[in-house]
Amino acid sequence: MNISIFVCVAVGLFGLCLGSFAGALVWRLRAKQLLKDKSDIEMSRSEKNEYKRLKKLTRASLLNDRSQCLDCSYQLKWYDLIPLFSWVVLKGRCRKCHEKIGYLEPMLEVGVAVFFILSYILWPYPLDSTISILRLLVWMISGVGLAIVFVYDLKWFLIPNRVNFTIIGIGLINILLILFSSTNKIDVLLNIVGASIILSGLYYVIYLISNGKWIGFGDIKLGLGLSFLLADWKLAFIALFAANFIGCLVVIPSMITGKLKRDSRIPFGPLLIIGFVIAGLVGTYLIDVYMSILLI
């Protein structure tokens, strides 16, 4: 595929904008979750303080409320919302009260932008038809939801149901596109079933065995959505292997140094997402290399 610099720049800018949207949505989802927890269970002191700060975000729907500073309630103007640029110009602080905004928003913006650019450059399928282009767009859109999951699970050890179900829905659209363009629909369906067993069914068994101590039910639903997006049992296996391998590289040294204990909570969603991205973008290349080695 010929790589166009112009397309890379355009895709990156689009990713910055959607990354900014993802950052705003993360805090609104957290505010809604705390509001639900407030009515269901007794909150810890830290959660009460967090809810007090985020309470203003629960007064409107997730999509139509105005962005504002969480400290002074200053409503952000359009020039405060230019992805990455505004954060850099304001040196990561509110224009009015000068409180620190934090690094979550710019990291999400850059992360989604990089994901979009890499997806365009490394996309393993030819972009020679409307269906194939739509599949790339579906992949990129799913990345926005996965960015939200990545941050939310890493920060609060939880994956919101509404994001998980959205990713599953996007995955179903991907399946329909594949089925529409495929001449062997039985093989496609078998591949999807195999992928679902590897990325969701296996974790459901672990969830039952451990009574929910080793893995959360949100990871099972996330795995189902990822399996629909990969739609290939071989890619699902690569995603699973990569997620667990990276997890070992992170967890084992931390346990040796004492930073993590045997009963420490470890968010698996981010690891699964990293494995998914690796499998989706370079998995077919890895399979080809492996098959070529076997044939030598």
Protein backbone atom coordinates (compact mmCIF):
# COMPACT_ATOMS: atom_id res chain seq x y z
CA MET A 1 0.00 0.00 0.00
CA ASN A 2 1.30 3.45 -0.88
CA ILE A 3 1.57 5.56 2.27
CA SER A 4 0.33 9.11 1.81
CA ILE A 5 1.81 11.71 4.19
CA PHE A 6 -1.27 13.87 3.71
CA VAL A 7 -3.58 11.01 4.71
CA CYS A 8 -1.39 10.22 7.74
CA VAL A 9 -1.62 13.84 8.90
CA ALA A 10 -5.38 13.96 8.30
CA VAL A 11 -5.91 10.65 10.09
CA GLY A 12 -3.71 11.81 12.99
CA LEU A 13 -5.65 15.07 13.39
CA PHE A 14 -8.93 13.13 13.32
CA GLY A 15 -7.50 10.85 16.00
CA LEU A 16 -6.57 13.84 18.16
CA CYS A 17 -10.15 15.11 17.99
CA LEU A 18 -11.67 11.73 18.86
CA GLY A 19 -9.07 11.27 21.58
CA SER A 20 -10.24 14.56 23.08
CA PHE A 21 -13.82 13.26 22.96
CA ALA A 22 -12.68 10.04 24.66
CA GLY A 23 -11.00 12.03 27.43
CA ALA A 24 -14.15 14.01 28.12
CA LEU A 25 -16.24 10.85 28.09
CA VAL A 26 -14.00 9.07 30.59
CA TRP A 27 -14.74 11.63 33.32
CA ARG A 28 -18.47 11.68 32.55
CA LEU A 29 -18.65 7.91 32.71
CA ARG A 30 -16.82 7.98 36.03
CA ALA A 31 -19.20 10.61 37.39
CA LYS A 32 -22.21 8.50 36.36
CA GLN A 33 -20.65 5.41 37.93
CA LEU A 34 -20.02 7.22 41.22
CA LEU A 35 -23.59 8.49 41.21
CA LYS A 36 -24.81 4.90 40.81
CA ASP A 37 -22.44 3.65 43.52
CA LYS A 38 -23.64 6.42 45.84
CA SER A 39 -27.17 5.07 45.66
CA ASP A 40 -26.18 1.38 45.78
CA ILE A 41 -23.39 1.08 48.33
CA GLU A 42 -21.51 3.10 50.91
CA MET A 43 -18.65 4.95 49.25
CA SER A 44 -15.10 5.22 50.58
CA ARG A 45 -13.72 8.61 51.61
CA SER A 46 -11.65 8.90 48.41
CA GLU A 47 -14.70 8.05 46.29
CA LYS A 48 -16.77 10.64 48.15
CA ASN A 49 -14.13 13.29 47.43
CA GLU A 50 -13.99 12.19 43.81
CA TYR A 51 -17.76 12.31 43.49
CA LYS A 52 -17.86 15.79 45.04
CA ARG A 53 -15.44 16.97 42.37
CA LEU A 54 -17.21 15.22 39.48
CA LYS A 55 -20.80 15.74 40.64
CA LYS A 56 -21.33 18.65 38.23
CA LEU A 57 -20.81 16.25 35.32
CA THR A 58 -23.91 14.23 36.28
CA ARG A 59 -26.33 17.09 35.69
CA ALA A 60 -26.50 16.58 31.92
CA SER A 61 -26.34 13.68 29.49
CA LEU A 62 -22.99 12.26 28.46
CA LEU A 63 -23.08 13.83 25.02
CA ASN A 64 -24.66 17.28 25.28
CA ASP A 65 -23.17 18.94 28.36
CA ARG A 66 -20.57 21.69 28.12
CA SER A 67 -16.95 20.99 29.00
CA GLN A 68 -15.85 22.77 32.16
CA CYS A 69 -13.03 22.95 34.67
CA LEU A 70 -13.59 20.41 37.45
CA ASP A 71 -12.18 22.83 40.04
CA CYS A 72 -13.73 26.25 39.29
CA SER A 73 -16.57 25.25 36.88
CA TYR A 74 -15.23 27.60 34.20
CA GLN A 75 -16.97 26.65 30.94
CA LEU A 76 -14.32 26.02 28.33
CA LYS A 77 -14.43 28.09 25.14
CA TRP A 78 -13.70 26.67 21.71
CA TYR A 79 -10.09 27.87 21.89
CA ASP A 80 -9.65 25.96 25.15
CA LEU A 81 -10.70 22.74 23.45
CA ILE A 82 -8.25 22.51 20.54
CA PRO A 83 -6.83 19.00 21.00
CA LEU A 84 -3.30 18.97 22.45
CA PHE A 85 -2.58 22.54 21.28
CA SER A 86 -4.71 24.18 23.99
CA TRP A 87 -3.20 21.97 26.70
CA VAL A 88 0.34 22.87 25.58
CA VAL A 89 -0.41 26.62 25.33
CA LEU A 90 -2.03 26.66 28.78
CA LYS A 91 0.81 24.52 30.18
CA GLY A 92 -1.67 21.92 31.41
CA ARG A 93 -3.63 24.36 33.59
CA CYS A 94 -7.10 25.91 33.65
CA ARG A 95 -7.22 29.30 31.94
CA LYS A 96 -9.18 30.83 34.86
CA CYS A 97 -8.12 29.21 38.13
CA HIS A 98 -4.75 27.86 36.90
CA GLU A 99 -5.27 24.50 38.57
CA LYS A 100 -3.50 21.58 36.89
CA ILE A 101 -5.62 19.75 34.33
CA GLY A 102 -3.51 16.60 34.36
CA TYR A 103 -1.96 14.37 31.73
CA LEU A 104 -4.87 12.01 31.05
CA GLU A 105 -6.47 14.12 28.32
CA PRO A 106 -3.35 14.84 26.22
CA MET A 107 -2.19 11.23 26.59
CA LEU A 108 -5.53 9.99 25.30
CA GLU A 109 -5.44 12.45 22.40
CA VAL A 110 -1.93 11.45 21.38
CA GLY A 111 -2.65 7.77 21.97
CA VAL A 112 -5.71 7.70 19.72
CA ALA A 113 -3.89 9.77 17.07
CA VAL A 114 -0.95 7.33 17.05
CA PHE A 115 -3.36 4.40 16.92
CA PHE A 116 -5.11 5.91 13.88
CA ILE A 117 -1.84 6.58 12.05
CA LEU A 118 -0.42 3.10 12.77
CA SER A 119 -3.73 1.53 11.74
CA TYR A 120 -3.56 3.29 8.38
CA ILE A 121 0.11 2.42 7.82
CA LEU A 122 0.03 -1.19 9.07
CA TRP A 123 -3.49 -2.21 8.00
CA PRO A 124 -2.87 -5.76 6.70
CA TYR A 125 -5.71 -5.86 4.17
CA PRO A 126 -5.86 -4.11 0.76
CA LEU A 127 -7.99 -0.97 0.71
CA ASP A 128 -9.36 -1.75 -2.75
CA SER A 129 -13.09 -1.77 -2.08
CA THR A 130 -15.76 0.07 -0.13
CA ILE A 131 -16.11 -2.87 2.27
CA SER A 132 -12.38 -2.98 3.07
CA ILE A 133 -12.30 0.79 3.69
CA LEU A 134 -15.34 0.49 5.94
CA ARG A 135 -13.60 -2.27 7.91
CA LEU A 136 -10.65 0.05 8.54
CA LEU A 137 -13.03 2.79 9.68
CA VAL A 138 -14.80 0.35 12.00
CA TRP A 139 -11.42 -0.68 13.41
CA MET A 140 -10.45 2.95 14.05
CA ILE A 141 -13.77 3.80 15.67
CA SER A 142 -13.43 0.78 17.95
CA GLY A 143 -10.06 2.21 19.00
CA VAL A 144 -11.80 5.22 20.55
CA GLY A 145 -13.90 2.96 22.76
CA LEU A 146 -10.87 0.84 23.60
CA ALA A 147 -8.95 3.97 24.61
CA ILE A 148 -11.71 4.74 27.10
CA VAL A 149 -11.60 1.17 28.42
CA PHE A 150 -7.80 1.27 28.65
CA VAL A 151 -7.75 4.39 30.82
CA TYR A 152 -10.83 3.55 32.89
CA ASP A 153 -9.69 0.04 33.80
CA LEU A 154 -6.13 1.18 34.46
CA LYS A 155 -7.31 3.97 36.76
CA TRP A 156 -10.36 2.46 38.49
CA PHE A 157 -10.12 -1.33 37.87
CA LEU A 158 -13.49 -1.37 36.14
CA ILE A 159 -14.82 -1.51 32.57
CA PRO A 160 -18.12 0.36 32.05
CA ASN A 161 -20.86 -1.81 30.57
CA ARG A 162 -22.03 0.84 28.13
CA VAL A 163 -18.54 1.00 26.56
CA ASN A 164 -18.22 -2.78 26.46
CA PHE A 165 -21.61 -3.14 24.77
CA THR A 166 -20.70 -0.41 22.28
CA ILE A 167 -17.52 -2.28 21.35
CA ILE A 168 -19.51 -5.50 20.95
CA GLY A 169 -21.95 -3.64 18.67
CA ILE A 170 -19.08 -2.27 16.57
CA GLY A 171 -17.69 -5.80 16.39
CA LEU A 172 -21.03 -7.08 15.07
CA ILE A 173 -20.88 -4.44 12.31
CA ASN A 174 -17.41 -5.74 11.43
CA ILE A 175 -18.78 -9.29 11.23
CA LEU A 176 -21.56 -8.19 8.89
CA LEU A 177 -19.02 -6.48 6.62
CA ILE A 178 -16.87 -9.61 6.51
CA LEU A 179 -19.86 -11.86 5.81
CA PHE A 180 -21.09 -9.53 3.07
CA SER A 181 -17.77 -9.69 1.24
CA SER A 182 -16.99 -13.37 1.89
CA THR A 183 -17.76 -16.28 -0.43
CA ASN A 184 -17.33 -18.85 2.35
CA LYS A 185 -19.55 -17.66 5.16
CA ILE A 186 -19.31 -20.94 7.10
CA ASP A 187 -15.55 -20.55 7.53
CA VAL A 188 -16.05 -16.95 8.65
CA LEU A 189 -18.58 -17.97 11.29
CA LEU A 190 -16.36 -20.83 12.53
CA ASN A 191 -13.44 -18.40 12.81
CA ILE A 192 -15.58 -16.01 14.84
CA VAL A 193 -16.77 -18.79 17.15
CA GLY A 194 -13.17 -19.91 17.66
CA ALA A 195 -12.03 -16.37 18.40
CA SER A 196 -14.88 -15.91 20.89
CA ILE A 197 -13.95 -19.10 22.72
CA ILE A 198 -10.30 -18.00 22.99
CA LEU A 199 -10.82 -14.37 24.03
CA SER A 200 -14.07 -14.68 25.99
CA GLY A 201 -15.01 -18.28 26.70
CA LEU A 202 -11.64 -19.17 28.20
CA TYR A 203 -11.80 -16.22 30.57
CA TYR A 204 -15.35 -17.12 31.51
CA VAL A 205 -14.08 -20.52 32.66
CA ILE A 206 -11.31 -18.83 34.68
CA TYR A 207 -13.91 -16.46 36.13
CA LEU A 208 -16.02 -19.41 37.29
CA ILE A 209 -13.06 -21.35 38.70
CA SER A 210 -11.73 -18.37 40.66
CA ASN A 211 -15.18 -17.09 41.64
CA GLY A 212 -14.33 -13.76 40.06
CA LYS A 213 -11.06 -13.25 42.00
CA TRP A 214 -8.63 -13.63 39.10
CA ILE A 215 -10.55 -11.90 36.36
CA GLY A 216 -13.56 -9.60 36.15
CA PHE A 217 -16.72 -10.14 34.14
CA GLY A 218 -15.99 -6.91 32.27
CA ASP A 219 -12.88 -8.56 30.78
CA ILE A 220 -15.07 -11.40 29.48
CA LYS A 221 -17.38 -8.95 27.71
CA LEU A 222 -14.39 -7.01 26.41
CA GLY A 223 -12.90 -10.23 25.03
CA LEU A 224 -16.15 -10.95 23.19
CA GLY A 225 -16.08 -7.56 21.48
CA LEU A 226 -12.41 -7.97 20.55
CA SER A 227 -13.06 -11.42 19.12
CA PHE A 228 -15.79 -9.94 16.88
CA LEU A 229 -13.36 -7.27 15.68
CA LEU A 230 -10.58 -9.76 14.93
CA ALA A 231 -12.98 -12.40 13.56
CA ASP A 232 -10.16 -14.95 13.30
CA TRP A 233 -9.22 -17.58 15.87
CA LYS A 234 -5.52 -17.40 14.91
CA LEU A 235 -5.43 -13.65 15.52
CA ALA A 236 -7.36 -14.15 18.76
CA PHE A 237 -4.71 -16.62 19.92
CA ILE A 238 -1.96 -14.09 19.13
CA ALA A 239 -3.86 -11.41 21.06
CA LEU A 240 -4.23 -13.74 24.05
CA PHE A 241 -0.57 -14.77 23.96
CA ALA A 242 0.64 -11.17 23.60
CA ALA A 243 -1.58 -9.94 26.45
CA ASN A 244 -0.35 -12.62 28.85
CA PHE A 245 3.28 -12.30 27.75
CA ILE A 246 3.27 -8.53 28.28
CA GLY A 247 1.46 -9.08 31.58
CA CYS A 248 4.25 -11.38 32.74
CA LEU A 249 6.88 -8.81 31.74
CA VAL A 250 5.07 -6.22 33.87
CA VAL A 251 3.87 -8.29 36.82
CA ILE A 252 6.79 -10.63 37.55
CA PRO A 253 9.46 -7.87 38.00
CA SER A 254 7.00 -5.85 40.09
CA MET A 255 6.38 -8.86 42.37
CA ILE A 256 10.13 -9.51 42.69
CA THR A 257 10.77 -5.90 43.72
CA GLY A 258 7.80 -5.91 46.08
CA LYS A 259 5.79 -3.28 44.22
CA LEU A 260 3.02 -5.86 43.73
CA LYS A 261 1.77 -8.45 46.20
CA ARG A 262 0.14 -11.80 45.47
CA ASP A 263 -3.27 -10.30 46.23
CA SER A 264 -2.71 -7.02 44.33
CA ARG A 265 -5.36 -6.03 41.81
CA ILE A 266 -4.10 -5.99 38.23
CA PRO A 267 -6.23 -4.50 35.44
CA PHE A 268 -6.20 -7.00 32.59
CA GLY A 269 -8.23 -4.90 30.15
CA PRO A 270 -5.28 -2.71 29.04
CA LEU A 271 -3.12 -5.81 28.46
CA LEU A 272 -5.86 -7.44 26.41
CA ILE A 273 -6.24 -4.27 24.35
CA ILE A 274 -2.49 -4.10 23.64
CA GLY A 275 -2.53 -7.75 22.57
CA PHE A 276 -5.56 -7.05 20.39
CA VAL A 277 -3.84 -4.14 18.61
CA ILE A 278 -0.71 -6.24 18.01
CA ALA A 279 -2.78 -9.11 16.62
CA GLY A 280 -4.95 -6.90 14.44
CA LEU A 281 -2.12 -4.91 12.85
CA VAL A 282 0.79 -7.36 12.63
CA GLY A 283 -0.83 -10.71 13.44
CA THR A 284 -1.16 -11.79 9.80
CA TYR A 285 2.51 -10.99 9.23
CA LEU A 286 3.49 -13.06 12.26
CA ILE A 287 1.39 -15.97 10.99
CA ASP A 288 3.03 -15.76 7.55
CA VAL A 289 6.51 -15.74 9.12
CA TYR A 290 5.61 -18.72 11.31
CA MET A 291 4.23 -20.69 8.35
CA SER A 292 7.29 -19.89 6.23
CA ILE A 293 9.55 -21.22 9.02
CA LEU A 294 7.53 -24.43 9.19
CA LEU A 295 7.92 -24.95 5.44
CA ILE A 296 11.70 -24.60 5.51
